[in-house]
Amino acid sequence: MEQWFAEQNEFLIFVFLFLTLVLIAEVGHRIAGWVRASHAGTAIEIQSIQGAVLGLLALLLGFTFAMAAERFQARKDLLRDEANAIGTVALRTALLPEPQRSNIVKLLPGYVDTRIELQQKGYLPDAVRDVSARAGKLQAQIWAEAVAAAERAPQSVMVALFVSALNDMIDMDGKQLAALRNRIPVPIFLLLFLVAFVAVGITGYGSGQRHRESASLTVLVSLLIAAVIILVVDLHRPTRGLIAVDLSTLTQVRQNLPQLR
């Protein structure tokens, strides 16, 4: 289900949420009309329930927004750190003897391409597995070149510096994969949708005779709730949407690699 949810267009989710919320508010009003005889005597209770449900909705929105924002910031930080790690490896490649230096310089552009592709397709598990497999092969080839350089000069401080940087670069791969898998569980989103539907339904139920006069406010509330939820969904998808992680640090590293030849 997480895969299906991740592939859905955010605009379509927003439209679905907004229209559903407006429809549920109307259904709540019609139910209130059917039980109008007992409605007047329970107005205070309905208002109390409405306030409690809206408070719960606000709590859930704040909770999920904080989770999404924390994950978004973590991915931004990891992207910056990985770009720095790759840049350090690229610079320290010049410390290696030939032919290892030239071989690694040829491998690095393809590796950076896999890191950019991983960010772009991070919401697709099948694509992540494919990109990770290709990145792993390139890591193994670069590491083999480092081993060859170390065997030629086992006491070389320069080689040791390169190996240290390479180890940091490889470690970033695992951290990136962990960050991509660290998603907000789909049941939390489902609970958020459910509470939003119930809150708007009770709002429509409690409007009673004043529903027609407050219809525009109900539409506005539905619009705001749908907008906040879709903002959380957008933050939850850092590689696409209105709020996306900036890949310029990685692309800049990729553009600078040919200058190291």
Protein backbone atom coordinates (compact mmCIF):
# COMPACT_ATOMS: atom_id res chain seq x y z
CA MET A 1 0.00 0.00 0.00
CA GLU A 2 2.91 2.34 0.71
CA GLN A 3 4.14 1.89 -2.85
CA TRP A 4 0.67 2.72 -4.23
CA PHE A 5 0.35 5.78 -2.01
CA ALA A 6 3.82 7.02 -2.97
CA GLU A 7 3.00 6.86 -6.68
CA GLN A 8 -0.21 8.92 -6.48
CA ASN A 9 -0.24 12.44 -7.85
CA GLU A 10 -0.35 15.04 -5.08
CA PHE A 11 -2.81 17.26 -6.95
CA LEU A 12 -5.23 14.35 -7.29
CA ILE A 13 -4.88 13.60 -3.56
CA PHE A 14 -5.66 17.24 -2.79
CA VAL A 15 -8.74 17.29 -5.04
CA PHE A 16 -9.96 14.00 -3.56
CA LEU A 17 -9.51 15.26 -0.01
CA PHE A 18 -11.19 18.60 -0.66
CA LEU A 19 -14.21 17.18 -2.48
CA THR A 20 -14.61 14.38 0.06
CA LEU A 21 -14.48 16.82 2.97
CA VAL A 22 -17.12 19.06 1.39
CA LEU A 23 -19.30 16.03 0.63
CA ILE A 24 -19.01 14.69 4.17
CA ALA A 25 -19.97 18.11 5.57
CA GLU A 26 -23.10 18.03 3.43
CA VAL A 27 -23.87 14.49 4.56
CA GLY A 28 -23.50 15.59 8.18
CA HIS A 29 -25.97 18.43 7.60
CA ARG A 30 -28.52 16.09 6.01
CA ILE A 31 -28.22 13.64 8.90
CA ALA A 32 -28.85 16.54 11.27
CA GLY A 33 -32.01 17.34 9.31
CA TRP A 34 -33.29 13.81 9.74
CA VAL A 35 -32.87 13.96 13.52
CA ARG A 36 -33.77 17.63 13.89
CA ALA A 37 -36.28 16.92 16.60
CA SER A 38 -33.59 15.81 19.02
CA HIS A 39 -30.89 18.04 17.61
CA ALA A 40 -31.81 21.19 19.56
CA GLY A 41 -31.50 19.51 22.92
CA THR A 42 -28.02 18.18 22.15
CA ALA A 43 -26.47 21.32 20.65
CA ILE A 44 -24.05 21.80 23.54
CA GLU A 45 -22.95 18.17 23.45
CA ILE A 46 -22.42 18.36 19.69
CA GLN A 47 -20.30 21.50 20.07
CA SER A 48 -18.22 19.80 22.74
CA ILE A 49 -17.63 16.76 20.54
CA GLN A 50 -16.86 19.00 17.58
CA GLY A 51 -14.26 20.91 19.59
CA ALA A 52 -12.68 17.70 20.83
CA VAL A 53 -12.44 16.17 17.35
CA LEU A 54 -11.06 19.38 15.84
CA GLY A 55 -8.50 19.50 18.64
CA LEU A 56 -7.51 15.91 17.89
CA LEU A 57 -7.20 16.79 14.20
CA ALA A 58 -4.96 19.76 15.04
CA LEU A 59 -2.81 17.49 17.22
CA LEU A 60 -2.44 14.90 14.48
CA LEU A 61 -1.65 17.55 11.88
CA GLY A 62 1.05 19.02 14.10
CA PHE A 63 2.43 15.57 14.87
CA THR A 64 2.63 14.42 11.24
CA PHE A 65 3.97 17.79 10.07
CA ALA A 66 6.78 17.60 12.62
CA MET A 67 7.60 14.04 11.51
CA ALA A 68 7.67 15.03 7.84
CA ALA A 69 9.72 18.19 8.46
CA GLU A 70 12.27 16.27 10.54
CA ARG A 71 12.73 13.65 7.83
CA PHE A 72 12.95 16.32 5.13
CA GLN A 73 15.70 18.18 6.99
CA ALA A 74 17.57 14.94 7.65
CA ARG A 75 17.57 14.11 3.93
CA LYS A 76 18.83 17.60 3.08
CA ASP A 77 21.69 17.25 5.57
CA LEU A 78 22.60 13.79 4.28
CA LEU A 79 22.61 15.04 0.70
CA ARG A 80 25.03 17.83 1.64
CA ASP A 81 27.24 15.42 3.58
CA GLU A 82 27.33 12.90 0.74
CA ALA A 83 28.24 15.58 -1.79
CA ASN A 84 31.10 16.68 0.49
CA ALA A 85 32.25 13.07 0.92
CA ILE A 86 32.30 12.45 -2.83
CA GLY A 87 34.08 15.75 -3.42
CA THR A 88 36.75 14.79 -0.89
CA VAL A 89 37.27 11.43 -2.58
CA ALA A 90 37.55 13.14 -5.96
CA LEU A 91 40.18 15.56 -4.67
CA ARG A 92 42.20 12.89 -2.84
CA THR A 93 42.25 10.71 -5.94
CA ALA A 94 45.11 12.91 -7.12
CA LEU A 95 47.20 11.48 -4.26
CA LEU A 96 47.10 7.97 -5.75
CA PRO A 97 49.65 6.51 -8.13
CA GLU A 98 48.84 5.52 -11.67
CA PRO A 99 46.95 3.61 -13.02
CA GLN A 100 44.67 3.64 -9.97
CA ARG A 101 44.20 7.39 -10.16
CA SER A 102 42.96 7.35 -13.74
CA ASN A 103 40.77 4.31 -13.17
CA ILE A 104 38.99 5.89 -10.19
CA VAL A 105 38.55 9.19 -12.03
CA LYS A 106 36.72 7.25 -14.74
CA LEU A 107 34.47 5.46 -12.21
CA LEU A 108 33.44 8.46 -10.10
CA PRO A 109 31.11 10.17 -12.63
CA GLY A 110 29.03 7.03 -12.99
CA TYR A 111 28.85 6.71 -9.21
CA VAL A 112 27.64 10.29 -8.78
CA ASP A 113 25.01 9.63 -11.45
CA THR A 114 23.67 6.76 -9.34
CA ARG A 115 23.47 9.05 -6.29
CA ILE A 116 21.45 11.62 -8.22
CA GLU A 117 19.19 8.92 -9.65
CA LEU A 118 18.67 7.49 -6.17
CA GLN A 119 17.35 10.86 -4.98
CA GLN A 120 15.12 11.28 -8.00
CA LYS A 121 13.57 7.80 -7.76
CA GLY A 122 13.76 7.30 -4.01
CA TYR A 123 10.00 6.80 -3.68
CA LEU A 124 10.06 3.72 -5.96
CA PRO A 125 11.37 0.60 -4.14
CA ASP A 126 12.14 -1.30 -7.36
CA ALA A 127 14.14 1.62 -8.75
CA VAL A 128 15.99 2.01 -5.44
CA ARG A 129 17.07 -1.64 -5.52
CA ASP A 130 18.32 -1.28 -9.10
CA VAL A 131 20.24 1.93 -8.40
CA SER A 132 21.69 0.50 -5.18
CA ALA A 133 22.92 -2.58 -7.04
CA ARG A 134 24.71 -0.44 -9.64
CA ALA A 135 26.16 1.82 -6.96
CA GLY A 136 27.41 -1.24 -5.05
CA LYS A 137 29.25 -2.52 -8.12
CA LEU A 138 30.94 0.84 -8.62
CA GLN A 139 31.87 1.00 -4.95
CA ALA A 140 33.46 -2.44 -5.20
CA GLN A 141 35.46 -1.38 -8.28
CA ILE A 142 36.67 1.83 -6.65
CA TRP A 143 37.56 -0.05 -3.48
CA ALA A 144 39.53 -2.61 -5.52
CA GLU A 145 41.57 0.23 -7.02
CA ALA A 146 42.22 1.59 -3.51
CA VAL A 147 43.36 -1.86 -2.36
CA ALA A 148 45.71 -2.08 -5.35
CA ALA A 149 47.18 1.32 -4.49
CA ALA A 150 47.62 0.29 -0.84
CA GLU A 151 49.39 -2.91 -1.87
CA ARG A 152 51.82 -0.94 -4.01
CA ALA A 153 52.57 1.54 -1.22
CA PRO A 154 51.46 0.01 2.11
CA GLN A 155 53.15 2.75 4.17
CA SER A 156 51.83 5.66 2.12
CA VAL A 157 50.07 8.33 4.15
CA MET A 158 48.50 9.66 0.94
CA VAL A 159 46.83 6.35 0.20
CA ALA A 160 45.61 6.14 3.78
CA LEU A 161 44.00 9.57 3.45
CA PHE A 162 42.22 8.46 0.29
CA VAL A 163 40.99 5.22 1.87
CA SER A 164 39.59 7.16 4.83
CA ALA A 165 37.65 9.48 2.51
CA LEU A 166 36.46 6.54 0.42
CA ASN A 167 35.18 4.76 3.52
CA ASP A 168 33.17 7.86 4.47
CA MET A 169 31.69 8.01 0.97
CA ILE A 170 30.62 4.38 1.07
CA ASP A 171 29.10 4.83 4.54
CA MET A 172 26.92 7.63 3.17
CA ASP A 173 25.26 5.13 0.83
CA GLY A 174 23.84 3.17 3.75
CA LYS A 175 22.71 6.34 5.49
CA GLN A 176 20.92 7.54 2.37
CA LEU A 177 19.09 4.24 1.98
CA ALA A 178 18.06 4.30 5.62
CA ALA A 179 16.75 7.86 5.24
CA LEU A 180 14.74 6.95 2.14
CA ARG A 181 13.15 4.04 3.99
CA ASN A 182 12.42 6.14 7.06
CA ARG A 183 8.94 7.16 5.92
CA ILE A 184 5.88 8.19 7.84
CA PRO A 185 3.81 4.97 8.12
CA VAL A 186 0.77 4.91 5.84
CA PRO A 187 -1.58 4.07 8.79
CA ILE A 188 -0.76 7.49 10.27
CA PHE A 189 -1.93 9.16 7.07
CA LEU A 190 -5.06 6.99 7.02
CA LEU A 191 -5.81 7.98 10.62
CA LEU A 192 -5.27 11.62 9.71
CA PHE A 193 -7.73 11.33 6.80
CA LEU A 194 -10.27 9.59 9.03
CA VAL A 195 -10.11 12.19 11.78
CA ALA A 196 -10.39 14.98 9.19
CA PHE A 197 -13.49 13.35 7.69
CA VAL A 198 -15.10 12.90 11.10
CA ALA A 199 -14.28 16.48 12.16
CA VAL A 200 -15.79 18.01 9.05
CA GLY A 201 -18.79 15.67 9.24
CA ILE A 202 -19.52 16.75 12.82
CA THR A 203 -19.05 20.38 11.77
CA GLY A 204 -21.69 19.92 9.08
CA TYR A 205 -23.95 18.08 11.53
CA GLY A 206 -23.63 20.83 14.12
CA SER A 207 -24.38 23.63 11.66
CA GLY A 208 -28.04 22.52 11.51
CA GLN A 209 -30.32 25.29 10.24
CA ARG A 210 -27.35 27.58 9.70
CA HIS A 211 -25.69 25.24 7.23
CA ARG A 212 -26.65 27.22 4.14
CA GLU A 213 -25.37 30.45 5.67
CA SER A 214 -22.10 28.82 6.80
CA ALA A 215 -21.56 26.75 3.65
CA SER A 216 -18.81 29.06 2.43
CA LEU A 217 -17.01 28.71 5.77
CA THR A 218 -17.33 24.94 5.59
CA VAL A 219 -15.79 24.97 2.13
CA LEU A 220 -12.97 27.22 3.40
CA VAL A 221 -12.27 24.94 6.37
CA SER A 222 -12.24 21.91 4.06
CA LEU A 223 -9.85 23.70 1.74
CA LEU A 224 -7.50 24.59 4.58
CA ILE A 225 -7.52 21.08 6.04
CA ALA A 226 -6.84 19.55 2.62
CA ALA A 227 -4.04 22.09 1.98
CA VAL A 228 -2.29 21.34 5.28
CA ILE A 229 -2.54 17.59 4.76
CA ILE A 230 -1.16 17.83 1.24
CA LEU A 231 1.70 19.99 2.57
CA VAL A 232 2.60 17.15 4.94
CA VAL A 233 2.42 14.69 2.04
CA ASP A 234 4.65 16.99 -0.03
CA LEU A 235 7.27 17.18 2.73
CA HIS A 236 7.04 13.40 2.97
CA ARG A 237 8.13 13.18 -0.69
CA PRO A 238 11.39 15.17 -0.74
CA THR A 239 12.36 14.21 -4.30
CA ARG A 240 9.29 15.67 -6.01
CA GLY A 241 6.43 18.07 -5.49
CA LEU A 242 6.41 21.74 -4.53
CA ILE A 243 8.94 21.28 -1.70
CA ALA A 244 11.80 19.16 -3.00
CA VAL A 245 15.33 18.55 -1.78
CA ASP A 246 17.81 20.62 -3.75
CA LEU A 247 20.13 18.34 -5.73
CA SER A 248 22.43 21.17 -6.81
CA THR A 249 25.22 20.07 -4.44
CA LEU A 250 25.43 16.66 -6.10
CA THR A 251 25.03 18.03 -9.62
CA GLN A 252 27.80 20.55 -8.93
CA VAL A 253 30.11 17.76 -7.84
CA ARG A 254 29.21 15.86 -11.01
CA GLN A 255 30.03 18.87 -13.17
CA ASN A 256 33.38 19.41 -11.47
CA LEU A 257 34.61 15.83 -11.90
CA PRO A 258 35.89 16.25 -15.49
CA GLN A 259 38.18 19.04 -14.24
CA LEU A 260 40.06 16.48 -12.11
CA ARG A 261 41.30 14.46 -15.06
